[in-house]
Protein backbone atom coordinates (compact mmCIF):
# COMPACT_ATOMS: atom_id res chain seq x y z
CA UNK A 1 0.00 0.00 0.00
CA UNK A 2 1.41 3.35 -1.04
CA UNK A 3 0.88 6.23 1.37
CA UNK A 4 1.79 9.77 0.38
CA UNK A 5 3.33 12.25 2.79
CA UNK A 6 1.87 15.15 0.84
CA UNK A 7 -1.25 16.99 1.93
CA UNK A 8 -4.16 16.47 -0.40
CA UNK A 9 -6.23 19.43 -1.53
CA UNK A 10 -9.99 19.06 -1.51
CA UNK A 11 -12.19 21.21 -3.72
CA UNK A 12 -15.94 21.13 -3.75
CA UNK A 13 -17.91 21.02 -6.95
CA UNK A 14 -19.84 24.25 -7.50
CA UNK A 15 -22.38 22.60 -9.79
CA UNK A 16 -24.57 21.25 -7.00
CA UNK A 17 -27.60 23.11 -5.70
CA UNK A 18 -26.99 25.18 -2.59
CA UNK A 19 -27.07 23.19 0.65
CA UNK A 20 -29.51 25.67 2.21
CA UNK A 21 -31.99 25.23 -0.62
CA UNK A 22 -31.71 21.46 -0.47
CA UNK A 23 -32.21 21.36 3.30
CA UNK A 24 -35.23 23.65 2.95
CA UNK A 25 -36.81 21.39 0.32
CA UNK A 26 -36.12 18.25 2.36
CA UNK A 27 -37.48 19.92 5.50
CA UNK A 28 -40.69 20.79 3.67
CA UNK A 29 -41.08 17.26 2.30
CA UNK A 30 -40.58 15.74 5.75
CA UNK A 31 -43.06 18.16 7.27
CA UNK A 32 -45.60 17.45 4.51
CA UNK A 33 -45.43 13.73 5.30
CA UNK A 34 -45.96 14.37 9.03
CA UNK A 35 -42.42 13.74 10.25
CA UNK A 36 -40.46 15.91 12.65
CA UNK A 37 -37.90 17.34 10.20
CA UNK A 38 -35.30 18.17 12.86
CA UNK A 39 -35.34 14.65 14.29
CA UNK A 40 -35.23 13.03 10.86
CA UNK A 41 -32.39 15.22 9.58
CA UNK A 42 -30.40 14.68 12.79
CA UNK A 43 -30.90 10.93 12.50
CA UNK A 44 -29.64 10.98 8.93
CA UNK A 45 -26.65 13.19 9.72
CA UNK A 46 -25.61 11.02 12.68
CA UNK A 47 -26.13 7.62 11.07
CA UNK A 48 -25.84 8.16 7.33
CA UNK A 49 -28.95 6.02 6.93
CA UNK A 50 -30.98 7.52 4.07
CA UNK A 51 -34.20 5.88 5.32
CA UNK A 52 -34.51 8.71 7.85
CA UNK A 53 -35.44 10.89 4.87
CA UNK A 54 -38.69 10.42 3.01
CA UNK A 55 -38.59 9.68 -0.69
CA UNK A 56 -41.62 12.00 -1.09
CA UNK A 57 -40.90 14.79 -3.57
CA UNK A 58 -37.45 13.22 -4.21
CA UNK A 59 -36.24 14.50 -0.83
CA UNK A 60 -33.90 11.56 -0.25
CA UNK A 61 -32.32 11.93 -3.68
CA UNK A 62 -31.93 15.68 -3.26
CA UNK A 63 -30.24 15.34 0.13
CA UNK A 64 -27.86 12.64 -1.05
CA UNK A 65 -26.47 15.00 -3.70
CA UNK A 66 -24.47 16.47 -0.83
CA UNK A 67 -21.97 14.67 1.35
CA UNK A 68 -22.97 14.54 5.01
CA UNK A 69 -19.94 16.62 6.00
CA UNK A 70 -21.11 19.36 3.58
CA UNK A 71 -24.52 19.40 5.23
CA UNK A 72 -23.03 19.48 8.74
CA UNK A 73 -20.55 22.18 7.77
CA UNK A 74 -23.29 24.39 6.29
CA UNK A 75 -25.49 23.91 9.36
CA UNK A 76 -22.66 24.78 11.75
CA UNK A 77 -21.70 27.87 9.75
CA UNK A 78 -25.32 29.00 9.64
CA UNK A 79 -25.73 28.46 13.37
CA UNK A 80 -22.56 30.38 14.17
CA UNK A 81 -23.60 33.23 11.90
CA UNK A 82 -26.98 33.53 13.67
CA UNK A 83 -25.10 33.76 16.99
CA UNK A 84 -22.79 36.47 15.64
CA UNK A 85 -19.74 34.25 16.02
CA UNK A 86 -18.76 33.96 12.38
CA UNK A 87 -19.15 36.23 9.36
PDB file of N, CA and C in Angstrom:
ATOM      1  N   UNK A   1       0.850  -1.190   0.000  1.00  0.00           N
ATOM      2  CA  UNK A   1       0.000   0.000   0.000  1.00  0.00           C
ATOM      3  C   UNK A   1       0.889   1.246   0.000  1.00  0.00           C
ATOM      4  N   UNK A   2       0.627   2.129  -0.902  1.00  0.00           N
ATOM      5  CA  UNK A   2       1.408   3.349  -1.038  1.00  0.00           C
ATOM      6  C   UNK A   2       0.720   4.483  -0.297  1.00  0.00           C
ATOM      7  N   UNK A   3       1.431   5.102   0.609  1.00  0.00           N
ATOM      8  CA  UNK A   3       0.884   6.229   1.372  1.00  0.00           C
ATOM      9  C   UNK A   3       1.748   7.446   1.076  1.00  0.00           C
ATOM     10  N   UNK A   4       1.091   8.534   0.716  1.00  0.00           N
ATOM     11  CA  UNK A   4       1.793   9.767   0.382  1.00  0.00           C
ATOM     12  C   UNK A   4       1.977  10.627   1.624  1.00  0.00           C
ATOM     13  N   UNK A   5       3.078  11.314   1.702  1.00  0.00           N
ATOM     14  CA  UNK A   5       3.328  12.254   2.794  1.00  0.00           C
ATOM     15  C   UNK A   5       2.825  13.655   2.474  1.00  0.00           C
ATOM     16  N   UNK A   6       2.326  13.830   1.255  1.00  0.00           N
ATOM     17  CA  UNK A   6       1.869  15.146   0.842  1.00  0.00           C
ATOM     18  C   UNK A   6       0.427  15.378   1.265  1.00  0.00           C
ATOM     19  N   UNK A   7       0.107  16.620   1.576  1.00  0.00           N
ATOM     20  CA  UNK A   7      -1.253  16.992   1.929  1.00  0.00           C
ATOM     21  C   UNK A   7      -2.101  17.059   0.670  1.00  0.00           C
ATOM     22  N   UNK A   8      -3.261  16.445   0.740  1.00  0.00           N
ATOM     23  CA  UNK A   8      -4.161  16.468  -0.400  1.00  0.00           C
ATOM     24  C   UNK A   8      -5.047  17.700  -0.322  1.00  0.00           C
ATOM     25  N   UNK A   9      -5.362  18.259  -1.453  1.00  0.00           N
ATOM     26  CA  UNK A   9      -6.234  19.430  -1.530  1.00  0.00           C
ATOM     27  C   UNK A   9      -7.622  18.963  -1.919  1.00  0.00           C
ATOM     28  N   UNK A  10      -8.616  19.432  -1.209  1.00  0.00           N
ATOM     29  CA  UNK A  10      -9.990  19.064  -1.506  1.00  0.00           C
ATOM     30  C   UNK A  10     -10.730  20.278  -2.022  1.00  0.00           C
ATOM     31  N   UNK A  11     -11.394  20.125  -3.160  1.00  0.00           N
ATOM     32  CA  UNK A  11     -12.189  21.208  -3.723  1.00  0.00           C
ATOM     33  C   UNK A  11     -13.587  20.702  -3.960  1.00  0.00           C
ATOM     34  N   UNK A  12     -14.549  21.486  -3.545  1.00  0.00           N
ATOM     35  CA  UNK A  12     -15.944  21.129  -3.753  1.00  0.00           C
ATOM     36  C   UNK A  12     -16.403  21.504  -5.147  1.00  0.00           C
ATOM     37  N   UNK A  13     -17.302  20.708  -5.665  1.00  0.00           N
ATOM     38  CA  UNK A  13     -17.911  21.025  -6.951  1.00  0.00           C
ATOM     39  C   UNK A  13     -18.910  22.158  -6.742  1.00  0.00           C
ATOM     40  N   UNK A  14     -18.911  23.125  -7.628  1.00  0.00           N
ATOM     41  CA  UNK A  14     -19.837  24.247  -7.502  1.00  0.00           C
ATOM     42  C   UNK A  14     -21.100  24.041  -8.327  1.00  0.00           C
ATOM     43  N   UNK A  15     -21.236  22.858  -8.926  1.00  0.00           N
ATOM     44  CA  UNK A  15     -22.383  22.601  -9.789  1.00  0.00           C
ATOM     45  C   UNK A  15     -23.600  22.053  -9.051  1.00  0.00           C
ATOM     46  N   UNK A  16     -23.456  21.762  -7.789  1.00  0.00           N
ATOM     47  CA  UNK A  16     -24.573  21.248  -7.005  1.00  0.00           C
ATOM     48  C   UNK A  16     -25.469  22.392  -6.564  1.00  0.00           C
ATOM     49  N   UNK A  17     -26.740  22.073  -6.269  1.00  0.00           N
ATOM     50  CA  UNK A  17     -27.601  23.112  -5.698  1.00  0.00           C
ATOM     51  C   UNK A  17     -27.069  23.518  -4.326  1.00  0.00           C
ATOM     52  N   UNK A  18     -27.422  24.696  -3.896  1.00  0.00           N
ATOM     53  CA  UNK A  18     -26.987  25.179  -2.591  1.00  0.00           C
ATOM     54  C   UNK A  18     -27.508  24.258  -1.489  1.00  0.00           C
ATOM     55  N   UNK A  19     -26.683  24.031  -0.478  1.00  0.00           N
ATOM     56  CA  UNK A  19     -27.075  23.186   0.645  1.00  0.00           C
ATOM     57  C   UNK A  19     -28.321  23.744   1.325  1.00  0.00           C
ATOM     58  N   UNK A  20     -28.362  25.053   1.522  1.00  0.00           N
ATOM     59  CA  UNK A  20     -29.507  25.673   2.212  1.00  0.00           C
ATOM     60  C   UNK A  20     -30.812  25.398   1.472  1.00  0.00           C
ATOM     61  N   UNK A  21     -30.787  25.493   0.161  1.00  0.00           N
ATOM     62  CA  UNK A  21     -31.992  25.235  -0.622  1.00  0.00           C
ATOM     63  C   UNK A  21     -32.399  23.771  -0.526  1.00  0.00           C
ATOM     64  N   UNK A  22     -31.429  22.895  -0.583  1.00  0.00           N
ATOM     65  CA  UNK A  22     -31.714  21.462  -0.473  1.00  0.00           C
ATOM     66  C   UNK A  22     -32.313  21.133   0.883  1.00  0.00           C
ATOM     67  N   UNK A  23     -31.701  21.643   1.949  1.00  0.00           N
ATOM     68  CA  UNK A  23     -32.207  21.365   3.301  1.00  0.00           C
ATOM     69  C   UNK A  23     -33.630  21.902   3.446  1.00  0.00           C
ATOM     70  N   UNK A  24     -33.889  23.072   2.898  1.00  0.00           N
ATOM     71  CA  UNK A  24     -35.235  23.653   2.948  1.00  0.00           C
ATOM     72  C   UNK A  24     -36.247  22.746   2.254  1.00  0.00           C
ATOM     73  N   UNK A  25     -35.902  22.263   1.073  1.00  0.00           N
ATOM     74  CA  UNK A  25     -36.806  21.392   0.323  1.00  0.00           C
ATOM     75  C   UNK A  25     -37.045  20.067   1.049  1.00  0.00           C
ATOM     76  N   UNK A  26     -35.991  19.511   1.621  1.00  0.00           N
ATOM     77  CA  UNK A  26     -36.120  18.253   2.359  1.00  0.00           C
ATOM     78  C   UNK A  26     -36.951  18.478   3.622  1.00  0.00           C
ATOM     79  N   UNK A  27     -36.706  19.568   4.303  1.00  0.00           N
ATOM     80  CA  UNK A  27     -37.476  19.919   5.502  1.00  0.00           C
ATOM     81  C   UNK A  27     -38.968  19.978   5.164  1.00  0.00           C
ATOM     82  N   UNK A  28     -39.292  20.653   4.076  1.00  0.00           N
ATOM     83  CA  UNK A  28     -40.694  20.795   3.666  1.00  0.00           C
ATOM     84  C   UNK A  28     -41.320  19.446   3.313  1.00  0.00           C
ATOM     85  N   UNK A  29     -40.568  18.583   2.660  1.00  0.00           N
ATOM     86  CA  UNK A  29     -41.077  17.256   2.301  1.00  0.00           C
ATOM     87  C   UNK A  29     -41.325  16.421   3.557  1.00  0.00           C
ATOM     88  N   UNK A  30     -40.405  16.481   4.506  1.00  0.00           N
ATOM     89  CA  UNK A  30     -40.577  15.737   5.754  1.00  0.00           C
ATOM     90  C   UNK A  30     -41.795  16.244   6.519  1.00  0.00           C
ATOM     91  N   UNK A  31     -41.923  17.545   6.576  1.00  0.00           N
ATOM     92  CA  UNK A  31     -43.057  18.162   7.269  1.00  0.00           C
ATOM     93  C   UNK A  31     -44.378  17.780   6.587  1.00  0.00           C
ATOM     94  N   UNK A  32     -44.396  17.787   5.272  1.00  0.00           N
ATOM     95  CA  UNK A  32     -45.605  17.450   4.513  1.00  0.00           C
ATOM     96  C   UNK A  32     -46.052  16.016   4.774  1.00  0.00           C
ATOM     97  N   UNK A  33     -45.098  15.132   5.048  1.00  0.00           N
ATOM     98  CA  UNK A  33     -45.426  13.734   5.305  1.00  0.00           C
ATOM     99  C   UNK A  33     -45.690  13.461   6.786  1.00  0.00           C
ATOM    100  N   UNK A  34     -45.627  14.520   7.620  1.00  0.00           N
ATOM    101  CA  UNK A  34     -45.964  14.368   9.029  1.00  0.00           C
ATOM    102  C   UNK A  34     -44.815  13.986   9.941  1.00  0.00           C
ATOM    103  N   UNK A  35     -43.598  14.042   9.433  1.00  0.00           N
ATOM    104  CA  UNK A  35     -42.425  13.740  10.254  1.00  0.00           C
ATOM    105  C   UNK A  35     -41.924  14.996  10.956  1.00  0.00           C
ATOM    106  N   UNK A  36     -41.149  14.803  12.004  1.00  0.00           N
ATOM    107  CA  UNK A  36     -40.459  15.910  12.655  1.00  0.00           C
ATOM    108  C   UNK A  36     -39.153  16.107  11.874  1.00  0.00           C
ATOM    109  N   UNK A  37     -39.068  17.163  11.062  1.00  0.00           N
ATOM    110  CA  UNK A  37     -37.896  17.342  10.197  1.00  0.00           C
ATOM    111  C   UNK A  37     -36.568  17.410  10.945  1.00  0.00           C
ATOM    112  N   UNK A  38     -36.547  18.043  12.102  1.00  0.00           N
ATOM    113  CA  UNK A  38     -35.299  18.169  12.860  1.00  0.00           C
ATOM    114  C   UNK A  38     -34.821  16.791  13.305  1.00  0.00           C
ATOM    115  N   UNK A  39     -35.720  15.989  13.853  1.00  0.00           N
ATOM    116  CA  UNK A  39     -35.345  14.647  14.291  1.00  0.00           C
ATOM    117  C   UNK A  39     -34.868  13.788  13.127  1.00  0.00           C
ATOM    118  N   UNK A  40     -35.574  13.852  12.013  1.00  0.00           N
ATOM    119  CA  UNK A  40     -35.229  13.027  10.864  1.00  0.00           C
ATOM    120  C   UNK A  40     -33.888  13.445  10.260  1.00  0.00           C
ATOM    121  N   UNK A  41     -33.667  14.741  10.120  1.00  0.00           N
ATOM    122  CA  UNK A  41     -32.393  15.218   9.584  1.00  0.00           C
ATOM    123  C   UNK A  41     -31.242  14.871  10.529  1.00  0.00           C
ATOM    124  N   UNK A  42     -31.445  15.031  11.823  1.00  0.00           N
ATOM    125  CA  UNK A  42     -30.403  14.683  12.793  1.00  0.00           C
ATOM    126  C   UNK A  42     -30.089  13.196  12.712  1.00  0.00           C
ATOM    127  N   UNK A  43     -31.107  12.367  12.618  1.00  0.00           N
ATOM    128  CA  UNK A  43     -30.896  10.933  12.495  1.00  0.00           C
ATOM    129  C   UNK A  43     -30.074  10.588  11.267  1.00  0.00           C
ATOM    130  N   UNK A  44     -30.399  11.221  10.156  1.00  0.00           N
ATOM    131  CA  UNK A  44     -29.643  10.981   8.930  1.00  0.00           C
ATOM    132  C   UNK A  44     -28.199  11.449   9.072  1.00  0.00           C
ATOM    133  N   UNK A  45     -28.001  12.648   9.600  1.00  0.00           N
ATOM    134  CA  UNK A  45     -26.652  13.190   9.724  1.00  0.00           C
ATOM    135  C   UNK A  45     -25.787  12.357  10.658  1.00  0.00           C
ATOM    136  N   UNK A  46     -26.376  11.832  11.725  1.00  0.00           N
ATOM    137  CA  UNK A  46     -25.613  11.021  12.678  1.00  0.00           C
ATOM    138  C   UNK A  46     -25.318   9.621  12.152  1.00  0.00           C
ATOM    139  N   UNK A  47     -26.270   9.026  11.462  1.00  0.00           N
ATOM    140  CA  UNK A  47     -26.128   7.623  11.073  1.00  0.00           C
ATOM    141  C   UNK A  47     -25.699   7.411   9.617  1.00  0.00           C
ATOM    142  N   UNK A  48     -26.078   8.351   8.755  1.00  0.00           N
ATOM    143  CA  UNK A  48     -25.837   8.161   7.330  1.00  0.00           C
ATOM    144  C   UNK A  48     -26.891   7.289   6.673  1.00  0.00           C
ATOM    145  N   UNK A  49     -27.889   6.890   7.440  1.00  0.00           N
ATOM    146  CA  UNK A  49     -28.945   6.015   6.932  1.00  0.00           C
ATOM    147  C   UNK A  49     -29.977   6.851   6.178  1.00  0.00           C
ATOM    148  N   UNK A  50     -30.068   6.691   4.860  1.00  0.00           N
ATOM    149  CA  UNK A  50     -30.982   7.524   4.071  1.00  0.00           C
ATOM    150  C   UNK A  50     -32.465   7.259   4.353  1.00  0.00           C
ATOM    151  N   UNK A  51     -32.792   6.162   5.038  1.00  0.00           N
ATOM    152  CA  UNK A  51     -34.200   5.879   5.316  1.00  0.00           C
ATOM    153  C   UNK A  51     -34.798   6.833   6.344  1.00  0.00           C
ATOM    154  N   UNK A  52     -33.977   7.650   6.978  1.00  0.00           N
ATOM    155  CA  UNK A  52     -34.505   8.710   7.852  1.00  0.00           C
ATOM    156  C   UNK A  52     -35.209   9.789   7.033  1.00  0.00           C
ATOM    157  N   UNK A  53     -34.903   9.847   5.748  1.00  0.00           N
ATOM    158  CA  UNK A  53     -35.443  10.891   4.874  1.00  0.00           C
ATOM    159  C   UNK A  53     -36.480  10.280   3.939  1.00  0.00           C
ATOM    160  N   UNK A  54     -37.629  10.909   3.880  1.00  0.00           N
ATOM    161  CA  UNK A  54     -38.692  10.421   3.010  1.00  0.00           C
ATOM    162  C   UNK A  54     -38.285  10.506   1.538  1.00  0.00           C
ATOM    163  N   UNK A  55     -38.839   9.601   0.755  1.00  0.00           N
ATOM    164  CA  UNK A  55     -38.594   9.680  -0.690  1.00  0.00           C
ATOM    165  C   UNK A  55     -39.621  10.600  -1.358  1.00  0.00           C
ATOM    166  N   UNK A  56     -40.596  11.079  -0.579  1.00  0.00           N
ATOM    167  CA  UNK A  56     -41.616  11.999  -1.089  1.00  0.00           C
ATOM    168  C   UNK A  56     -40.953  13.231  -1.692  1.00  0.00           C
ATOM    169  N   UNK A  57     -41.403  13.611  -2.862  1.00  0.00           N
ATOM    170  CA  UNK A  57     -40.896  14.789  -3.572  1.00  0.00           C
ATOM    171  C   UNK A  57     -39.377  14.705  -3.824  1.00  0.00           C
ATOM    172  N   UNK A  58     -38.875  13.477  -3.954  1.00  0.00           N
ATOM    173  CA  UNK A  58     -37.448  13.215  -4.209  1.00  0.00           C
ATOM    174  C   UNK A  58     -36.522  13.769  -3.128  1.00  0.00           C
ATOM    175  N   UNK A  59     -37.044  13.914  -1.910  1.00  0.00           N
ATOM    176  CA  UNK A  59     -36.244  14.501  -0.827  1.00  0.00           C
ATOM    177  C   UNK A  59     -34.968  13.709  -0.557  1.00  0.00           C
ATOM    178  N   UNK A  60     -35.071  12.397  -0.533  1.00  0.00           N
ATOM    179  CA  UNK A  60     -33.895  11.561  -0.246  1.00  0.00           C
ATOM    180  C   UNK A  60     -32.829  11.744  -1.323  1.00  0.00           C
ATOM    181  N   UNK A  61     -33.250  11.745  -2.566  1.00  0.00           N
ATOM    182  CA  UNK A  61     -32.315  11.925  -3.677  1.00  0.00           C
ATOM    183  C   UNK A  61     -31.670  13.304  -3.623  1.00  0.00           C
ATOM    184  N   UNK A  62     -32.460  14.312  -3.350  1.00  0.00           N
ATOM    185  CA  UNK A  62     -31.932  15.681  -3.261  1.00  0.00           C
ATOM    186  C   UNK A  62     -30.866  15.790  -2.174  1.00  0.00           C
ATOM    187  N   UNK A  63     -31.161  15.220  -1.001  1.00  0.00           N
ATOM    188  CA  UNK A  63     -30.235  15.344   0.126  1.00  0.00           C
ATOM    189  C   UNK A  63     -28.943  14.585  -0.140  1.00  0.00           C
ATOM    190  N   UNK A  64     -29.045  13.454  -0.809  1.00  0.00           N
ATOM    191  CA  UNK A  64     -27.859  12.636  -1.048  1.00  0.00           C
ATOM    192  C   UNK A  64     -26.957  13.213  -2.136  1.00  0.00           C
ATOM    193  N   UNK A  65     -27.358  14.303  -2.758  1.00  0.00           N
ATOM    194  CA  UNK A  65     -26.468  14.998  -3.704  1.00  0.00           C
ATOM    195  C   UNK A  65     -25.309  15.652  -2.964  1.00  0.00           C
ATOM    196  N   UNK A  66     -25.500  15.849  -1.672  1.00  0.00           N
ATOM    197  CA  UNK A  66     -24.471  16.472  -0.827  1.00  0.00           C
ATOM    198  C   UNK A  66     -23.889  15.424   0.109  1.00  0.00           C
ATOM    199  N   UNK A  67     -22.610  15.527   0.356  1.00  0.00           N
ATOM    200  CA  UNK A  67     -21.968  14.670   1.355  1.00  0.00           C
ATOM    201  C   UNK A  67     -22.458  15.115   2.734  1.00  0.00           C
ATOM    202  N   UNK A  68     -22.507  14.181   3.667  1.00  0.00           N
ATOM    203  CA  UNK A  68     -22.970  14.545   5.014  1.00  0.00           C
ATOM    204  C   UNK A  68     -22.111  15.632   5.639  1.00  0.00           C
ATOM    205  N   UNK A  69     -20.794  15.582   5.418  1.00  0.00           N
ATOM    206  CA  UNK A  69     -19.941  16.620   5.998  1.00  0.00           C
ATOM    207  C   UNK A  69     -20.295  17.993   5.441  1.00  0.00           C
ATOM    208  N   UNK A  70     -20.714  18.078   4.167  1.00  0.00           N
ATOM    209  CA  UNK A  70     -21.115  19.360   3.582  1.00  0.00           C
ATOM    210  C   UNK A  70     -22.357  19.899   4.291  1.00  0.00           C
ATOM    211  N   UNK A  71     -23.291  19.006   4.546  1.00  0.00           N
ATOM    212  CA  UNK A  71     -24.520  19.400   5.234  1.00  0.00           C
ATOM    213  C   UNK A  71     -24.209  19.877   6.649  1.00  0.00           C
ATOM    214  N   UNK A  72     -23.394  19.113   7.363  1.00  0.00           N
ATOM    215  CA  UNK A  72     -23.033  19.481   8.736  1.00  0.00           C
ATOM    216  C   UNK A  72     -22.278  20.799   8.752  1.00  0.00           C
ATOM    217  N   UNK A  73     -21.322  20.948   7.844  1.00  0.00           N
ATOM    218  CA  UNK A  73     -20.550  22.185   7.770  1.00  0.00           C
ATOM    219  C   UNK A  73     -21.458  23.393   7.541  1.00  0.00           C
ATOM    220  N   UNK A  74     -22.379  23.280   6.597  1.00  0.00           N
ATOM    221  CA  UNK A  74     -23.287  24.388   6.293  1.00  0.00           C
ATOM    222  C   UNK A  74     -24.185  24.709   7.488  1.00  0.00           C
ATOM    223  N   UNK A  75     -24.645  23.690   8.187  1.00  0.00           N
ATOM    224  CA  UNK A  75     -25.490  23.914   9.358  1.00  0.00           C
ATOM    225  C   UNK A  75     -24.718  24.583  10.486  1.00  0.00           C
ATOM    226  N   UNK A  76     -23.483  24.163  10.702  1.00  0.00           N
ATOM    227  CA  UNK A  76     -22.656  24.777  11.755  1.00  0.00           C
ATOM    228  C   UNK A  76     -22.363  26.230  11.414  1.00  0.00           C
ATOM    229  N   UNK A  77     -21.984  26.494  10.170  1.00  0.00           N
ATOM    230  CA  UNK A  77     -21.702  27.872   9.747  1.00  0.00           C
ATOM    231  C   UNK A  77     -22.940  28.746   9.925  1.00  0.00           C
ATOM    232  N   UNK A  78     -24.075  28.246   9.499  1.00  0.00           N
ATOM    233  CA  UNK A  78     -25.319  29.003   9.635  1.00  0.00           C
ATOM    234  C   UNK A  78     -25.638  29.283  11.097  1.00  0.00           C
ATOM    235  N   UNK A  79     -25.474  28.284  11.941  1.00  0.00           N
ATOM    236  CA  UNK A  79     -25.729  28.455  13.372  1.00  0.00           C
ATOM    237  C   UNK A  79     -24.800  29.519  13.955  1.00  0.00           C
ATOM    238  N   UNK A  80     -23.517  29.412  13.640  1.00  0.00           N
ATOM    239  CA  UNK A  80     -22.562  30.382  14.175  1.00  0.00           C
ATOM    240  C   UNK A  80     -22.839  31.791  13.679  1.00  0.00           C
ATOM    241  N   UNK A  81     -23.264  31.905  12.430  1.00  0.00           N
ATOM    242  CA  UNK A  81     -23.604  33.229  11.905  1.00  0.00           C
ATOM    243  C   UNK A  81     -24.802  33.825  12.637  1.00  0.00           C
ATOM    244  N   UNK A  82     -25.804  33.016  12.965  1.00  0.00           N
ATOM    245  CA  UNK A  82     -26.978  33.530  13.668  1.00  0.00           C
ATOM    246  C   UNK A  82     -26.625  33.954  15.089  1.00  0.00           C
ATOM    247  N   UNK A  83     -25.549  33.406  15.645  1.00  0.00           N
ATOM    248  CA  UNK A  83     -25.104  33.761  16.988  1.00  0.00           C
ATOM    249  C   UNK A  83     -24.083  34.888  16.963  1.00  0.00           C
ATOM    250  N   UNK A  84     -23.751  35.381  15.764  1.00  0.00           N
ATOM    251  CA  UNK A  84     -22.793  36.472  15.638  1.00  0.00           C
ATOM    252  C   UNK A  84     -21.367  36.053  15.865  1.00  0.00           C
ATOM    253  N   UNK A  85     -21.090  34.772  15.755  1.00  0.00           N
ATOM    254  CA  UNK A  85     -19.743  34.253  16.022  1.00  0.00           C
ATOM    255  C   UNK A  85     -18.887  34.249  14.767  1.00  0.00           C
ATOM    256  N   UNK A  86     -19.501  34.059  13.637  1.00  0.00           N
ATOM    257  CA  UNK A  86     -18.764  33.960  12.380  1.00  0.00           C
ATOM    258  C   UNK A  86     -19.437  34.835  11.333  1.00  0.00           C
ATOM    259  N   UNK A  87     -18.615  35.397  10.442  1.00  0.00           N
ATOM    260  CA  UNK A  87     -19.149  36.234   9.362  1.00  0.00           C
ATOM    261  C   UNK A  87     -19.260  35.442   8.098  1.00  0.00           C
TER     262      UNK A  87
END
